[in-house]
Amino acid sequence: MSLPYKSALRVSRRVLRALVVVNVVYGLAILVLLVASFVAEDTVMVGLGVKPAPDRGTMLLGMRLIMVVGILSAPLFHLMLTRLLAIVETVRAGDPFIIDNARRLQTIAGTLLGVQLLHLVVGVIVARTRSEVQELDLDWSFSITPWIAVLLLFVLARVFEHGARMRADLEGTV
């Protein structure tokens, strides 16, 4: 293994481990914000810059629903990050083309699909959460690129699985 390759793997491991921690903090922070929105509703609304309005309850409901979506996304990202970290470890060990990595890629593809579905839910919430005074502005937009990534990961998982099975068959004949 060349030195730059080892360095890239080392950096990847560190970044993935850091992202696992950041993701947990992210999920907990959103959970705290959700609880605070029930305990200190006015303070949270002012802190988030929501203007007083008669239909502010609709805005608050939309924000709470989006917080729930954020909380639900944290375990999905955790699953993706830990599976990717496990794949990086097999690359580091010198044996990435194994059935376990095919399963890990399948899991990553499925969780990314879940994240994309949650993203659509947020889009629906944003579209339906209107206020006379203020809109729920999250700069939400639809992009085809993540959906292509989902398809790519499902295909790549199958390629890995097929390659690992061929390799096992070849080793059995030698």
N, C-alpha and C. Protein backbone atom coordinates (compact mmCIF):
# COMPACT_ATOMS: atom_id res chain seq x y z
N MET A 1 0.84 -1.18 0.00
CA MET A 1 0.00 0.00 0.00
C MET A 1 0.89 1.24 0.00
N SER A 2 0.57 2.20 -0.86
CA SER A 2 1.38 3.40 -0.94
C SER A 2 1.05 4.33 0.23
N LEU A 3 1.98 5.21 0.53
CA LEU A 3 1.82 6.13 1.64
C LEU A 3 0.61 7.06 1.49
N PRO A 4 0.37 7.67 0.31
CA PRO A 4 -0.81 8.53 0.20
C PRO A 4 -2.11 7.78 0.46
N TYR A 5 -2.16 6.53 0.05
CA TYR A 5 -3.35 5.71 0.26
C TYR A 5 -3.59 5.49 1.75
N LYS A 6 -2.52 5.19 2.50
CA LYS A 6 -2.65 5.02 3.95
C LYS A 6 -3.08 6.33 4.61
N SER A 7 -2.54 7.43 4.14
CA SER A 7 -2.91 8.73 4.70
C SER A 7 -4.39 9.03 4.46
N ALA A 8 -4.86 8.72 3.25
CA ALA A 8 -6.27 8.97 2.93
C ALA A 8 -7.18 8.11 3.81
N LEU A 9 -6.79 6.88 4.05
CA LEU A 9 -7.58 6.00 4.92
C LEU A 9 -7.58 6.51 6.35
N ARG A 10 -6.44 6.95 6.81
CA ARG A 10 -6.33 7.47 8.17
C ARG A 10 -7.21 8.71 8.34
N VAL A 11 -7.17 9.61 7.37
CA VAL A 11 -7.99 10.81 7.41
C VAL A 11 -9.47 10.43 7.35
N SER A 12 -9.80 9.49 6.48
CA SER A 12 -11.20 9.04 6.35
C SER A 12 -11.71 8.49 7.67
N ARG A 13 -10.93 7.68 8.33
CA ARG A 13 -11.33 7.11 9.62
C ARG A 13 -11.57 8.21 10.64
N ARG A 14 -10.66 9.17 10.71
CA ARG A 14 -10.80 10.26 11.68
C ARG A 14 -12.04 11.11 11.38
N VAL A 15 -12.23 11.43 10.12
CA VAL A 15 -13.39 12.25 9.73
C VAL A 15 -14.68 11.50 10.04
N LEU A 16 -14.75 10.23 9.71
CA LEU A 16 -15.96 9.45 9.97
C LEU A 16 -16.24 9.34 11.47
N ARG A 17 -15.20 9.11 12.25
CA ARG A 17 -15.39 9.04 13.71
C ARG A 17 -15.89 10.38 14.25
N ALA A 18 -15.32 11.47 13.75
CA ALA A 18 -15.76 12.79 14.18
C ALA A 18 -17.21 13.04 13.77
N LEU A 19 -17.57 12.62 12.57
CA LEU A 19 -18.94 12.81 12.10
C LEU A 19 -19.95 12.00 12.92
N VAL A 20 -19.53 10.83 13.40
CA VAL A 20 -20.41 10.05 14.27
C VAL A 20 -20.72 10.85 15.53
N VAL A 21 -19.70 11.46 16.11
CA VAL A 21 -19.89 12.27 17.33
C VAL A 21 -20.74 13.51 17.02
N VAL A 22 -20.43 14.20 15.93
CA VAL A 22 -21.19 15.39 15.54
C VAL A 22 -22.66 15.03 15.32
N ASN A 23 -22.91 13.89 14.70
CA ASN A 23 -24.29 13.46 14.45
C ASN A 23 -25.05 13.22 15.75
N VAL A 24 -24.39 12.61 16.73
CA VAL A 24 -25.05 12.38 18.03
C VAL A 24 -25.36 13.72 18.69
N VAL A 25 -24.41 14.63 18.66
CA VAL A 25 -24.63 15.97 19.23
C VAL A 25 -25.77 16.67 18.50
N TYR A 26 -25.81 16.55 17.19
CA TYR A 26 -26.88 17.14 16.37
C TYR A 26 -28.24 16.60 16.80
N GLY A 27 -28.36 15.29 16.90
CA GLY A 27 -29.63 14.68 17.31
C GLY A 27 -30.06 15.13 18.69
N LEU A 28 -29.12 15.16 19.62
CA LEU A 28 -29.44 15.60 20.99
C LEU A 28 -29.83 17.08 21.03
N ALA A 29 -29.14 17.90 20.25
CA ALA A 29 -29.45 19.33 20.22
C ALA A 29 -30.86 19.58 19.69
N ILE A 30 -31.24 18.85 18.67
CA ILE A 30 -32.59 19.01 18.14
C ILE A 30 -33.62 18.51 19.15
N LEU A 31 -33.31 17.42 19.83
CA LEU A 31 -34.21 16.91 20.87
C LEU A 31 -34.40 17.96 21.97
N VAL A 32 -33.31 18.58 22.40
CA VAL A 32 -33.38 19.64 23.42
C VAL A 32 -34.23 20.80 22.90
N LEU A 33 -34.04 21.19 21.65
CA LEU A 33 -34.82 22.29 21.08
C LEU A 33 -36.31 21.91 21.02
N LEU A 34 -36.61 20.67 20.68
CA LEU A 34 -38.00 20.23 20.63
C LEU A 34 -38.63 20.30 22.02
N VAL A 35 -37.94 19.79 23.02
CA VAL A 35 -38.46 19.84 24.39
C VAL A 35 -38.62 21.28 24.83
N ALA A 36 -37.64 22.13 24.52
CA ALA A 36 -37.71 23.54 24.89
C ALA A 36 -38.90 24.23 24.22
N SER A 37 -39.26 23.78 23.02
CA SER A 37 -40.39 24.41 22.33
C SER A 37 -41.71 24.14 23.04
N PHE A 38 -41.75 23.10 23.87
CA PHE A 38 -42.95 22.83 24.67
C PHE A 38 -42.86 23.52 26.04
N VAL A 39 -41.66 23.56 26.61
CA VAL A 39 -41.47 24.11 27.95
C VAL A 39 -41.45 25.64 27.93
N ALA A 40 -40.76 26.21 26.97
CA ALA A 40 -40.61 27.67 26.88
C ALA A 40 -40.93 28.13 25.46
N GLU A 41 -42.16 27.92 25.07
CA GLU A 41 -42.59 28.18 23.69
C GLU A 41 -42.25 29.58 23.22
N ASP A 42 -42.62 30.60 23.98
CA ASP A 42 -42.39 31.98 23.56
C ASP A 42 -40.90 32.29 23.41
N THR A 43 -40.11 31.82 24.36
CA THR A 43 -38.67 32.07 24.31
C THR A 43 -38.05 31.43 23.07
N VAL A 44 -38.45 30.22 22.77
CA VAL A 44 -37.91 29.52 21.60
C VAL A 44 -38.34 30.23 20.32
N MET A 45 -39.60 30.62 20.25
CA MET A 45 -40.10 31.29 19.05
C MET A 45 -39.37 32.61 18.81
N VAL A 46 -39.16 33.37 19.86
CA VAL A 46 -38.41 34.62 19.74
C VAL A 46 -36.97 34.32 19.33
N GLY A 47 -36.37 33.31 19.97
CA GLY A 47 -34.99 32.94 19.67
C GLY A 47 -34.81 32.48 18.23
N LEU A 48 -35.84 31.86 17.67
CA LEU A 48 -35.77 31.41 16.27
C LEU A 48 -36.23 32.48 15.29
N GLY A 49 -36.59 33.64 15.81
CA GLY A 49 -36.96 34.76 14.95
C GLY A 49 -38.36 34.70 14.38
N VAL A 50 -39.26 33.99 15.06
CA VAL A 50 -40.65 33.91 14.60
C VAL A 50 -41.41 35.11 15.14
N LYS A 51 -42.00 35.85 14.23
CA LYS A 51 -42.74 37.06 14.61
C LYS A 51 -44.08 36.69 15.24
N PRO A 52 -44.54 37.48 16.19
CA PRO A 52 -45.86 37.23 16.77
C PRO A 52 -46.95 37.38 15.70
N ALA A 53 -47.86 36.42 15.67
CA ALA A 53 -48.95 36.45 14.70
C ALA A 53 -50.08 35.57 15.22
N PRO A 54 -51.30 35.84 14.78
CA PRO A 54 -52.42 35.01 15.24
C PRO A 54 -52.28 33.54 14.84
N ASP A 55 -51.66 33.28 13.70
CA ASP A 55 -51.52 31.89 13.24
C ASP A 55 -50.12 31.33 13.53
N ARG A 56 -49.49 31.84 14.56
CA ARG A 56 -48.16 31.39 14.95
C ARG A 56 -48.15 29.93 15.34
N GLY A 57 -49.29 29.42 15.80
CA GLY A 57 -49.39 28.01 16.18
C GLY A 57 -49.10 27.08 15.02
N THR A 58 -49.53 27.47 13.82
CA THR A 58 -49.25 26.68 12.62
C THR A 58 -47.74 26.64 12.36
N MET A 59 -47.11 27.77 12.49
CA MET A 59 -45.66 27.86 12.31
C MET A 59 -44.96 26.98 13.33
N LEU A 60 -45.40 27.05 14.58
CA LEU A 60 -44.79 26.25 15.63
C LEU A 60 -44.97 24.76 15.37
N LEU A 61 -46.14 24.36 14.94
CA LEU A 61 -46.38 22.95 14.62
C LEU A 61 -45.45 22.48 13.51
N GLY A 62 -45.32 23.29 12.46
CA GLY A 62 -44.42 22.96 11.37
C GLY A 62 -42.98 22.82 11.83
N MET A 63 -42.56 23.74 12.69
CA MET A 63 -41.19 23.69 13.20
C MET A 63 -40.97 22.44 14.05
N ARG A 64 -41.96 22.11 14.87
CA ARG A 64 -41.84 20.91 15.71
C ARG A 64 -41.79 19.65 14.85
N LEU A 65 -42.60 19.61 13.81
CA LEU A 65 -42.58 18.44 12.92
C LEU A 65 -41.22 18.30 12.23
N ILE A 66 -40.65 19.41 11.84
CA ILE A 66 -39.33 19.38 11.21
C ILE A 66 -38.28 18.94 12.23
N MET A 67 -38.42 19.34 13.48
CA MET A 67 -37.51 18.87 14.53
C MET A 67 -37.61 17.36 14.69
N VAL A 68 -38.82 16.83 14.65
CA VAL A 68 -39.01 15.38 14.75
C VAL A 68 -38.33 14.69 13.58
N VAL A 69 -38.47 15.25 12.38
CA VAL A 69 -37.79 14.67 11.22
C VAL A 69 -36.28 14.70 11.43
N GLY A 70 -35.77 15.79 11.96
CA GLY A 70 -34.33 15.88 12.25
C GLY A 70 -33.88 14.84 13.25
N ILE A 71 -34.68 14.63 14.27
CA ILE A 71 -34.36 13.61 15.28
C ILE A 71 -34.39 12.22 14.64
N LEU A 72 -35.36 11.97 13.78
CA LEU A 72 -35.45 10.67 13.10
C LEU A 72 -34.29 10.44 12.14
N SER A 73 -33.76 11.51 11.58
CA SER A 73 -32.66 11.36 10.63
C SER A 73 -31.34 11.03 11.32
N ALA A 74 -31.18 11.42 12.57
CA ALA A 74 -29.91 11.17 13.26
C ALA A 74 -29.54 9.68 13.33
N PRO A 75 -30.47 8.78 13.71
CA PRO A 75 -30.10 7.36 13.70
C PRO A 75 -29.79 6.83 12.30
N LEU A 76 -30.47 7.38 11.29
CA LEU A 76 -30.17 6.95 9.92
C LEU A 76 -28.74 7.34 9.53
N PHE A 77 -28.38 8.56 9.85
CA PHE A 77 -27.01 8.99 9.56
C PHE A 77 -26.00 8.20 10.38
N HIS A 78 -26.34 7.88 11.62
CA HIS A 78 -25.46 7.06 12.44
C HIS A 78 -25.21 5.71 11.79
N LEU A 79 -26.27 5.11 11.30
CA LEU A 79 -26.16 3.82 10.63
C LEU A 79 -25.28 3.93 9.39
N MET A 80 -25.49 4.97 8.60
CA MET A 80 -24.66 5.15 7.40
C MET A 80 -23.20 5.36 7.75
N LEU A 81 -22.95 6.23 8.71
CA LEU A 81 -21.56 6.56 9.07
C LEU A 81 -20.83 5.35 9.65
N THR A 82 -21.49 4.60 10.51
CA THR A 82 -20.81 3.44 11.12
C THR A 82 -20.57 2.34 10.09
N ARG A 83 -21.50 2.16 9.15
CA ARG A 83 -21.28 1.15 8.10
C ARG A 83 -20.15 1.58 7.17
N LEU A 84 -20.09 2.87 6.86
CA LEU A 84 -19.01 3.37 6.02
C LEU A 84 -17.67 3.24 6.74
N LEU A 85 -17.66 3.50 8.03
CA LEU A 85 -16.44 3.32 8.82
C LEU A 85 -15.99 1.86 8.80
N ALA A 86 -16.94 0.94 8.89
CA ALA A 86 -16.60 -0.50 8.83
C ALA A 86 -16.02 -0.86 7.47
N ILE A 87 -16.54 -0.26 6.41
CA ILE A 87 -15.98 -0.52 5.07
C ILE A 87 -14.56 0.01 4.99
N VAL A 88 -14.34 1.20 5.51
CA VAL A 88 -12.99 1.78 5.51
C VAL A 88 -12.03 0.87 6.28
N GLU A 89 -12.50 0.29 7.37
CA GLU A 89 -11.64 -0.63 8.14
C GLU A 89 -11.25 -1.86 7.32
N THR A 90 -12.18 -2.38 6.51
CA THR A 90 -11.83 -3.55 5.68
C THR A 90 -10.86 -3.16 4.58
N VAL A 91 -10.98 -1.95 4.06
CA VAL A 91 -10.01 -1.47 3.08
C VAL A 91 -8.64 -1.36 3.73
N ARG A 92 -8.62 -0.84 4.92
CA ARG A 92 -7.37 -0.71 5.68
C ARG A 92 -6.73 -2.06 5.95
N ALA A 93 -7.58 -3.07 6.20
CA ALA A 93 -7.08 -4.43 6.45
C ALA A 93 -6.66 -5.12 5.16
N GLY A 94 -7.01 -4.52 4.02
CA GLY A 94 -6.58 -5.08 2.74
C GLY A 94 -7.55 -6.07 2.12
N ASP A 95 -8.78 -6.15 2.64
CA ASP A 95 -9.75 -7.11 2.10
C ASP A 95 -11.15 -6.50 2.03
N PRO A 96 -11.35 -5.54 1.12
CA PRO A 96 -12.66 -4.87 1.07
C PRO A 96 -13.74 -5.62 0.30
N PHE A 97 -13.36 -6.54 -0.58
CA PHE A 97 -14.34 -7.20 -1.44
C PHE A 97 -14.91 -8.45 -0.78
N ILE A 98 -15.75 -8.18 0.23
CA ILE A 98 -16.36 -9.26 1.01
C ILE A 98 -17.87 -9.06 1.05
N ILE A 99 -18.58 -10.13 1.34
CA ILE A 99 -20.04 -10.08 1.40
C ILE A 99 -20.51 -9.07 2.44
N ASP A 100 -19.81 -8.97 3.57
CA ASP A 100 -20.22 -8.02 4.61
C ASP A 100 -20.25 -6.58 4.07
N ASN A 101 -19.29 -6.23 3.23
CA ASN A 101 -19.29 -4.88 2.66
C ASN A 101 -20.44 -4.69 1.67
N ALA A 102 -20.80 -5.74 0.97
CA ALA A 102 -21.98 -5.65 0.10
C ALA A 102 -23.22 -5.37 0.94
N ARG A 103 -23.33 -6.05 2.05
CA ARG A 103 -24.47 -5.81 2.95
C ARG A 103 -24.41 -4.41 3.54
N ARG A 104 -23.22 -3.97 3.88
CA ARG A 104 -23.08 -2.61 4.43
C ARG A 104 -23.50 -1.56 3.39
N LEU A 105 -23.08 -1.76 2.15
CA LEU A 105 -23.48 -0.83 1.09
C LEU A 105 -25.00 -0.86 0.88
N GLN A 106 -25.58 -2.05 0.97
CA GLN A 106 -27.04 -2.18 0.85
C GLN A 106 -27.72 -1.39 1.99
N THR A 107 -27.19 -1.51 3.19
CA THR A 107 -27.73 -0.78 4.34
C THR A 107 -27.58 0.72 4.14
N ILE A 108 -26.42 1.16 3.68
CA ILE A 108 -26.19 2.58 3.43
C ILE A 108 -27.18 3.09 2.37
N ALA A 109 -27.39 2.32 1.32
CA ALA A 109 -28.33 2.72 0.27
C ALA A 109 -29.75 2.84 0.84
N GLY A 110 -30.14 1.88 1.64
CA GLY A 110 -31.49 1.92 2.24
C GLY A 110 -31.66 3.08 3.19
N THR A 111 -30.65 3.36 3.98
CA THR A 111 -30.76 4.48 4.91
C THR A 111 -30.73 5.82 4.18
N LEU A 112 -29.93 5.90 3.11
CA LEU A 112 -29.92 7.13 2.31
C LEU A 112 -31.28 7.33 1.64
N LEU A 113 -31.91 6.26 1.23
CA LEU A 113 -33.27 6.35 0.70
C LEU A 113 -34.22 6.90 1.77
N GLY A 114 -34.08 6.40 3.00
CA GLY A 114 -34.89 6.90 4.11
C GLY A 114 -34.66 8.38 4.36
N VAL A 115 -33.41 8.80 4.31
CA VAL A 115 -33.08 10.21 4.50
C VAL A 115 -33.72 11.06 3.40
N GLN A 116 -33.69 10.57 2.18
CA GLN A 116 -34.30 11.31 1.07
C GLN A 116 -35.81 11.40 1.24
N LEU A 117 -36.43 10.35 1.72
CA LEU A 117 -37.87 10.39 1.97
C LEU A 117 -38.19 11.39 3.08
N LEU A 118 -37.37 11.42 4.13
CA LEU A 118 -37.56 12.42 5.19
C LEU A 118 -37.37 13.84 4.65
N HIS A 119 -36.44 13.99 3.71
CA HIS A 119 -36.23 15.30 3.08
C HIS A 119 -37.50 15.74 2.34
N LEU A 120 -38.15 14.80 1.68
CA LEU A 120 -39.42 15.13 1.01
C LEU A 120 -40.50 15.52 2.02
N VAL A 121 -40.52 14.83 3.16
CA VAL A 121 -41.48 15.17 4.22
C VAL A 121 -41.25 16.61 4.68
N VAL A 122 -40.00 16.99 4.84
CA VAL A 122 -39.70 18.38 5.24
C VAL A 122 -40.22 19.34 4.18
N GLY A 123 -40.07 19.00 2.91
CA GLY A 123 -40.58 19.85 1.84
C GLY A 123 -42.08 20.04 1.93
N VAL A 124 -42.79 18.96 2.24
CA VAL A 124 -44.25 19.04 2.39
C VAL A 124 -44.60 19.92 3.58
N ILE A 125 -43.89 19.74 4.69
CA ILE A 125 -44.15 20.55 5.88
C ILE A 125 -43.91 22.02 5.59
N VAL A 126 -42.81 22.33 4.92
CA VAL A 126 -42.50 23.73 4.58
C VAL A 126 -43.60 24.31 3.69
N ALA A 127 -44.05 23.53 2.71
CA ALA A 127 -45.08 24.02 1.79
C ALA A 127 -46.41 24.26 2.50
N ARG A 128 -46.70 23.47 3.52
CA ARG A 128 -48.00 23.58 4.21
C ARG A 128 -47.96 24.50 5.43
N THR A 129 -46.79 24.92 5.84
CA THR A 129 -46.67 25.78 7.01
C THR A 129 -46.56 27.21 6.53
N ARG A 130 -47.67 27.85 6.49
CA ARG A 130 -47.74 29.24 6.05
C ARG A 130 -48.26 30.11 7.19
N SER A 131 -47.78 31.31 7.22
CA SER A 131 -48.26 32.29 8.17
C SER A 131 -48.52 33.58 7.41
N GLU A 132 -49.48 34.35 7.87
CA GLU A 132 -49.77 35.63 7.22
C GLU A 132 -48.59 36.58 7.36
N VAL A 133 -47.86 36.43 8.43
CA VAL A 133 -46.78 37.36 8.74
C VAL A 133 -45.42 36.86 8.24
N GLN A 134 -45.21 35.55 8.28
CA GLN A 134 -43.87 35.03 8.01
C GLN A 134 -43.97 33.61 7.47
N GLU A 135 -43.09 33.28 6.51
CA GLU A 135 -43.03 31.92 6.00
C GLU A 135 -41.95 31.15 6.74
N LEU A 136 -42.10 29.84 6.74
CA LEU A 136 -41.08 28.96 7.29
C LEU A 136 -40.02 28.81 6.20
N ASP A 137 -38.95 29.56 6.32
CA ASP A 137 -37.94 29.63 5.26
C ASP A 137 -36.75 28.74 5.61
N LEU A 138 -36.72 27.57 4.99
CA LEU A 138 -35.60 26.65 5.19
C LEU A 138 -34.76 26.49 3.93
N ASP A 139 -35.11 27.26 2.91
CA ASP A 139 -34.40 27.16 1.63
C ASP A 139 -34.41 25.72 1.13
N TRP A 140 -35.58 25.06 1.25
CA TRP A 140 -35.73 23.68 0.83
C TRP A 140 -35.83 23.63 -0.69
N SER A 141 -35.18 22.63 -1.28
CA SER A 141 -35.31 22.42 -2.72
C SER A 141 -35.16 20.93 -3.02
N PHE A 142 -35.72 20.54 -4.13
CA PHE A 142 -35.61 19.16 -4.59
C PHE A 142 -34.42 19.05 -5.52
N SER A 143 -33.66 17.96 -5.36
CA SER A 143 -32.53 17.70 -6.24
C SER A 143 -32.56 16.23 -6.63
N ILE A 144 -32.28 15.95 -7.87
CA ILE A 144 -32.26 14.57 -8.36
C ILE A 144 -30.95 13.86 -7.97
N THR A 145 -29.91 14.62 -7.69
CA THR A 145 -28.59 14.03 -7.42
C THR A 145 -28.59 13.03 -6.26
N PRO A 146 -29.19 13.33 -5.11
CA PRO A 146 -29.19 12.32 -4.04
C PRO A 146 -29.96 11.05 -4.41
N TRP A 147 -31.01 11.20 -5.24
CA TRP A 147 -31.76 10.03 -5.66
C TRP A 147 -30.91 9.15 -6.59
N ILE A 148 -30.10 9.78 -7.41
CA ILE A 148 -29.17 9.02 -8.26
C ILE A 148 -28.13 8.32 -7.39
N ALA A 149 -27.68 9.00 -6.33
CA ALA A 149 -26.73 8.38 -5.40
C ALA A 149 -27.33 7.15 -4.74
N VAL A 150 -28.61 7.21 -4.40
CA VAL A 150 -29.30 6.05 -3.82
C VAL A 150 -29.26 4.88 -4.80
N LEU A 151 -29.63 5.14 -6.04
CA LEU A 151 -29.60 4.09 -7.06
C LEU A 151 -28.19 3.54 -7.26
N LEU A 152 -27.22 4.44 -7.31
CA LEU A 152 -25.82 4.04 -7.48
C LEU A 152 -25.38 3.12 -6.34
N LEU A 153 -25.75 3.45 -5.12
CA LEU A 153 -25.36 2.63 -3.98
C LEU A 153 -26.02 1.24 -4.01
N PHE A 154 -27.29 1.18 -4.41
CA PHE A 154 -27.94 -0.13 -4.53
C PHE A 154 -27.24 -0.98 -5.59
N VAL A 155 -26.89 -0.36 -6.73
CA VAL A 155 -26.19 -1.09 -7.79
C VAL A 155 -24.80 -1.50 -7.32
N LEU A 156 -24.09 -0.59 -6.68
CA LEU A 156 -22.74 -0.89 -6.19
C LEU A 156 -22.77 -2.02 -5.16
N ALA A 157 -23.79 -2.05 -4.33
CA ALA A 157 -23.92 -3.14 -3.36
C ALA A 157 -24.05 -4.48 -4.08
N ARG A 158 -24.83 -4.51 -5.15
CA ARG A 158 -24.98 -5.75 -5.93
C ARG A 158 -23.68 -6.13 -6.61
N VAL A 159 -22.96 -5.15 -7.12
CA VAL A 159 -21.67 -5.42 -7.75
C VAL A 159 -20.71 -6.01 -6.73
N PHE A 160 -20.66 -5.42 -5.54
CA PHE A 160 -19.79 -5.94 -4.48
C PHE A 160 -20.19 -7.37 -4.12
N GLU A 161 -21.48 -7.61 -4.00
CA GLU A 161 -21.95 -8.95 -3.64
C GLU A 161 -21.56 -9.96 -4.72
N HIS A 162 -21.79 -9.61 -5.96
CA HIS A 162 -21.45 -10.51 -7.06
C HIS A 162 -19.94 -10.76 -7.11
N GLY A 163 -19.16 -9.70 -6.97
CA GLY A 163 -17.70 -9.84 -6.98
C GLY A 163 -17.20 -10.69 -5.82
N ALA A 164 -17.77 -10.51 -4.64
CA ALA A 164 -17.35 -11.29 -3.48
C ALA A 164 -17.69 -12.76 -3.67
N ARG A 165 -18.85 -13.04 -4.24
CA ARG A 165 -19.24 -14.44 -4.50
C ARG A 165 -18.34 -15.08 -5.57
N MET A 166 -18.02 -14.32 -6.61
CA MET A 166 -17.11 -14.84 -7.64
C MET A 166 -15.74 -15.12 -7.05
N ARG A 167 -15.28 -14.22 -6.20
CA ARG A 167 -13.98 -14.40 -5.56
C ARG A 167 -13.98 -15.65 -4.68
N ALA A 168 -15.06 -15.85 -3.92
CA ALA A 168 -15.17 -17.04 -3.06
C ALA A 168 -15.20 -18.31 -3.91
N ASP A 169 -15.89 -18.29 -5.04
CA ASP A 169 -15.92 -19.44 -5.94
C ASP A 169 -14.56 -19.71 -6.51
N LEU A 170 -13.85 -18.65 -6.90
CA LEU A 170 -12.51 -18.80 -7.47
C LEU A 170 -11.55 -19.38 -6.43
N GLU A 171 -11.63 -18.88 -5.20
CA GLU A 171 -10.75 -19.40 -4.14
C GLU A 171 -11.06 -20.86 -3.84
N GLY A 172 -12.32 -21.25 -4.01
CA GLY A 172 -12.72 -22.64 -3.78
C GLY A 172 -12.20 -23.58 -4.86
N THR A 173 -11.91 -23.05 -6.05
CA THR A 173 -11.42 -23.91 -7.13
C THR A 173 -9.91 -23.97 -7.22
N VAL A 174 -9.24 -23.09 -6.52
CA VAL A 174 -7.77 -23.06 -6.61
C VAL A 174 -7.15 -23.99 -5.62
